[in-house]
C-alpha atoms as a PDB file:
ATOM      1  CA  MET A   1      13.908  -1.959  -3.014  1.00  0.00           C
ATOM      2  CA  VAL A   2      15.426  -4.120  -5.739  1.00  0.00           C
ATOM      3  CA  LYS A   3      18.699  -2.787  -7.143  1.00  0.00           C
ATOM      4  CA  ARG A   4      18.531  -2.525 -10.904  1.00  0.00           C
ATOM      5  CA  PRO A   5      20.813  -1.132 -13.628  1.00  0.00           C
ATOM      6  CA  GLN A   6      20.134   2.415 -14.808  1.00  0.00           C
ATOM      7  CA  ALA A   7      20.213   1.381 -18.470  1.00  0.00           C
ATOM      8  CA  ILE A   8      19.550  -1.859 -20.360  1.00  0.00           C
ATOM      9  CA  LEU A   9      19.782  -3.049 -23.948  1.00  0.00           C
ATOM     10  CA  VAL A  10      16.738  -5.127 -24.903  1.00  0.00           C
ATOM     11  CA  ASN A  11      16.562  -7.492 -27.881  1.00  0.00           C
ATOM     12  CA  TYR A  12      13.149  -8.841 -28.817  1.00  0.00           C
ATOM     13  CA  LEU A  13      10.961  -9.968 -31.696  1.00  0.00           C
ATOM     14  CA  ASP A  14       8.225  -7.558 -32.717  1.00  0.00           C
ATOM     15  CA  GLU A  15       4.710  -8.597 -33.769  1.00  0.00           C
ATOM     16  CA  PHE A  16       6.014  -9.318 -37.299  1.00  0.00           C
ATOM     17  CA  GLY A  17       8.804 -11.600 -36.071  1.00  0.00           C
ATOM     18  CA  LYS A  18      11.488  -9.029 -36.853  1.00  0.00           C
ATOM     19  CA  GLU A  19      14.337  -8.710 -34.350  1.00  0.00           C
ATOM     20  CA  GLN A  20      14.456  -5.352 -32.606  1.00  0.00           C
ATOM     21  CA  GLU A  21      16.984  -3.727 -30.290  1.00  0.00           C
ATOM     22  CA  HIS A  22      16.108  -0.930 -27.893  1.00  0.00           C
ATOM     23  CA  LYS A  23      18.087   0.867 -25.193  1.00  0.00           C
ATOM     24  CA  MET A  24      16.121   1.867 -22.099  1.00  0.00           C
ATOM     25  CA  HIS A  25      17.201   4.255 -19.357  1.00  0.00           C
ATOM     26  CA  ASP A  26      16.074   5.051 -15.816  1.00  0.00           C
ATOM     27  CA  PHE A  27      12.385   4.452 -15.031  1.00  0.00           C
ATOM     28  CA  PRO A  28      11.446   2.648 -18.304  1.00  0.00           C
ATOM     29  CA  ALA A  29      14.370   0.232 -17.782  1.00  0.00           C
ATOM     30  CA  ARG A  30      13.290  -0.379 -14.190  1.00  0.00           C
ATOM     31  CA  VAL A  31       9.676  -1.045 -15.205  1.00  0.00           C
ATOM     32  CA  PHE A  32      10.765  -3.371 -18.015  1.00  0.00           C
ATOM     33  CA  LEU A  33      12.930  -5.454 -15.646  1.00  0.00           C
ATOM     34  CA  HIS A  34      10.167  -5.489 -13.026  1.00  0.00           C
ATOM     35  CA  GLU A  35       7.676  -6.883 -15.541  1.00  0.00           C
ATOM     36  CA  LEU A  36      10.252  -9.335 -16.894  1.00  0.00           C
ATOM     37  CA  ASP A  37      10.641 -10.652 -13.348  1.00  0.00           C
ATOM     38  CA  HIS A  38       6.907 -11.395 -13.290  1.00  0.00           C
ATOM     39  CA  ILE A  39       7.021 -13.107 -16.693  1.00  0.00           C
ATOM     40  CA  GLU A  40       9.874 -15.294 -15.437  1.00  0.00           C
ATOM     41  CA  GLY A  41       7.944 -16.150 -12.270  1.00  0.00           C
ATOM     42  CA  ARG A  42       9.980 -14.067  -9.812  1.00  0.00           C
ATOM     43  CA  THR A  43       8.093 -12.219  -7.115  1.00  0.00           C
ATOM     44  CA  MET A  44       9.090  -9.946  -4.259  1.00  0.00           C
ATOM     45  CA  THR A  45       9.721 -12.968  -2.041  1.00  0.00           C
ATOM     46  CA  HIS A  46      12.606 -13.998  -4.326  1.00  0.00           C
ATOM     47  CA  TRP A  47      14.613 -10.876  -3.548  1.00  0.00           C
ATOM     48  CA  LYS A  48      16.629  -9.990  -0.470  1.00  0.00           C
ATOM     49  CA  ILE A  49      14.656  -7.219   1.162  1.00  0.00           C
ATOM     50  CA  SER A  50      15.765  -4.702   3.758  1.00  0.00           C
ATOM     51  CA  GLU A  51      13.019  -4.434   6.360  1.00  0.00           C
ATOM     52  CA  GLY A  52      13.917  -0.795   6.904  1.00  0.00           C
ATOM     53  CA  ASN A  53      12.635   0.018   3.424  1.00  0.00           C
ATOM     54  CA  ILE A  54       9.128  -1.253   4.074  1.00  0.00           C
ATOM     55  CA  ASP A  55       7.440   1.338   6.211  1.00  0.00           C
ATOM     56  CA  ILE A  56       5.090   4.274   6.135  1.00  0.00           C
ATOM     57  CA  ILE A  57       6.294   7.568   7.581  1.00  0.00           C
ATOM     58  CA  PRO A  58       5.118   7.691  11.209  1.00  0.00           C
ATOM     59  CA  GLY A  59       1.960   9.776  11.495  1.00  0.00           C
ATOM     60  CA  LYS A  60       0.928   9.160   7.862  1.00  0.00           C
ATOM     61  CA  GLU A  61      -0.627   5.723   8.416  1.00  0.00           C
ATOM     62  CA  ASP A  62      -4.237   6.992   8.327  1.00  0.00           C
ATOM     63  CA  THR A  63      -3.792   8.740   4.984  1.00  0.00           C
ATOM     64  CA  HIS A  64      -2.236   5.595   3.487  1.00  0.00           C
ATOM     65  CA  ARG A  65      -4.464   2.910   5.007  1.00  0.00           C
ATOM     66  CA  HIS A  66      -4.620   0.910   1.724  1.00  0.00           C
ATOM     67  CA  LEU A  67      -0.827   0.920   1.531  1.00  0.00           C
ATOM     68  CA  MET A  68      -0.539  -0.148   5.170  1.00  0.00           C
ATOM     69  CA  THR A  69      -2.240  -3.474   4.394  1.00  0.00           C
ATOM     70  CA  THR A  70       0.355  -4.122   1.665  1.00  0.00           C
ATOM     71  CA  VAL A  71       3.212  -3.164   3.996  1.00  0.00           C
ATOM     72  CA  ASP A  72       1.848  -5.457   6.717  1.00  0.00           C
ATOM     73  CA  PHE A  73       1.456  -8.297   4.206  1.00  0.00           C
ATOM     74  CA  TYR A  74       5.101  -8.091   3.120  1.00  0.00           C
ATOM     75  CA  LYS A  75       6.398  -7.669   6.662  1.00  0.00           C
ATOM     76  CA  ASP A  76       4.600 -10.940   7.506  1.00  0.00           C
ATOM     77  CA  LYS A  77       6.140 -12.607   4.428  1.00  0.00           C
ATOM     78  CA  ILE A  78       9.615 -11.432   5.467  1.00  0.00           C
ATOM     79  CA  SER A  79       9.070 -12.841   8.966  1.00  0.00           C
ATOM     80  CA  GLU A  80       7.958 -16.190   7.490  1.00  0.00           C
ATOM     81  CA  MET A  81      11.023 -16.313   5.232  1.00  0.00           C
ATOM     82  CA  LYS A  82      13.344 -15.630   8.166  1.00  0.00           C
ATOM     83  CA  GLU A  83      11.823 -18.515  10.127  1.00  0.00           C
END
């Protein structure tokens, strides 16, 4: 649900203190930025979220019961933020 670039250039220090540079594309770039958000203290509640993107396909709720609790949790959070 969070828009992210398709490619990023990452500079970091490796375990030996040597500066490294790495280009990431597609899914690895998305995962890296997602985890960086957590390291910097950003969570899902910091992003603008479209409610239409948080749903289970009608009729599939029983096969995704564990996911439904997560969906319900974030729908409640969105409602709280709107208030």
